[in-house]
């Protein structure tokens, strides 16, 4: 059986020490949750996406913009 506990950072060391003192418990710290990545960071994460984003910004700066209305459901 595997049980996962979410413990506040300021109590993690205490909880690990407590759990490791129990002979029938195998306690291992979980990996930290990855920080959320914002959209711009994601778009710039690959060369192809970065190029497309930079080209889109250049088109906007040049005034080559097409305005569209929202699609109604």
Protein backbone atom coordinates (compact mmCIF):
# COMPACT_ATOMS: atom_id res chain seq x y z
CA UNK A 1 0.00 0.00 0.00
CA UNK A 2 1.23 3.49 -0.82
CA UNK A 3 0.07 6.57 1.06
CA UNK A 4 0.93 10.09 0.04
CA UNK A 5 0.87 12.91 2.57
CA UNK A 6 0.99 16.59 1.71
CA UNK A 7 2.85 18.37 4.48
CA UNK A 8 3.62 22.11 4.68
CA UNK A 9 7.29 22.88 4.00
CA UNK A 10 7.88 24.17 7.51
CA UNK A 11 6.81 20.79 8.98
CA UNK A 12 8.36 18.46 6.39
CA UNK A 13 11.60 17.78 8.26
CA UNK A 14 9.72 16.89 11.44
CA UNK A 15 7.35 14.56 9.58
CA UNK A 16 10.20 12.79 7.77
CA UNK A 17 12.05 12.26 11.05
CA UNK A 18 8.89 10.94 12.71
CA UNK A 19 8.02 8.56 9.87
CA UNK A 20 11.57 7.27 9.51
CA UNK A 21 11.60 6.38 13.23
CA UNK A 22 8.82 3.84 12.64
CA UNK A 23 10.29 0.46 11.64
CA UNK A 24 7.30 -0.48 9.44
CA UNK A 25 7.33 2.75 7.40
CA UNK A 26 9.45 3.43 4.34
CA UNK A 27 9.31 7.20 3.98
CA UNK A 28 10.74 8.96 0.97
CA UNK A 29 10.35 12.64 0.14
CA UNK A 30 8.26 13.26 -2.96
CA UNK A 31 9.59 15.31 -5.81
CA UNK A 32 8.55 18.91 -5.67
CA UNK A 33 5.75 20.01 -7.92
CA UNK A 34 7.02 21.71 -11.02
CA UNK A 35 6.36 25.40 -11.11
CA UNK A 36 3.69 26.36 -13.58
CA UNK A 37 5.13 27.50 -16.87
CA UNK A 38 3.66 30.62 -18.37
CA UNK A 39 2.57 30.66 -22.00
CA UNK A 40 5.32 32.93 -23.29
CA UNK A 41 7.99 30.78 -21.63
CA UNK A 42 6.41 27.70 -23.25
CA UNK A 43 6.27 29.33 -26.68
CA UNK A 44 9.92 30.33 -26.43
CA UNK A 45 10.98 26.84 -25.29
CA UNK A 46 11.50 25.49 -28.82
CA UNK A 47 13.18 27.22 -31.77
CA UNK A 48 10.18 26.72 -34.07
CA UNK A 49 7.74 28.17 -31.55
CA UNK A 50 10.08 31.06 -30.73
CA UNK A 51 10.38 31.89 -34.44
CA UNK A 52 6.59 31.81 -34.93
CA UNK A 53 6.06 34.04 -31.89
CA UNK A 54 8.69 36.57 -33.01
CA UNK A 55 7.18 36.67 -36.52
CA UNK A 56 3.72 37.27 -35.06
CA UNK A 57 5.06 40.13 -32.94
CA UNK A 58 6.71 41.66 -36.03
CA UNK A 59 3.41 41.44 -37.95
CA UNK A 60 1.59 43.18 -35.09
CA UNK A 61 4.26 45.90 -34.93
CA UNK A 62 3.90 46.40 -38.70
CA UNK A 63 0.15 46.83 -38.36
CA UNK A 64 -0.67 43.60 -40.18
CA UNK A 65 -3.51 42.70 -37.85
CA UNK A 66 -6.89 41.17 -38.66
CA UNK A 67 -9.58 41.84 -36.09
CA UNK A 68 -12.25 39.20 -35.62
CA UNK A 69 -15.30 38.97 -33.47
CA UNK A 70 -15.93 36.23 -30.97
CA UNK A 71 -17.79 33.15 -32.14
CA UNK A 72 -21.11 32.91 -30.36
CA UNK A 73 -22.08 29.44 -29.10
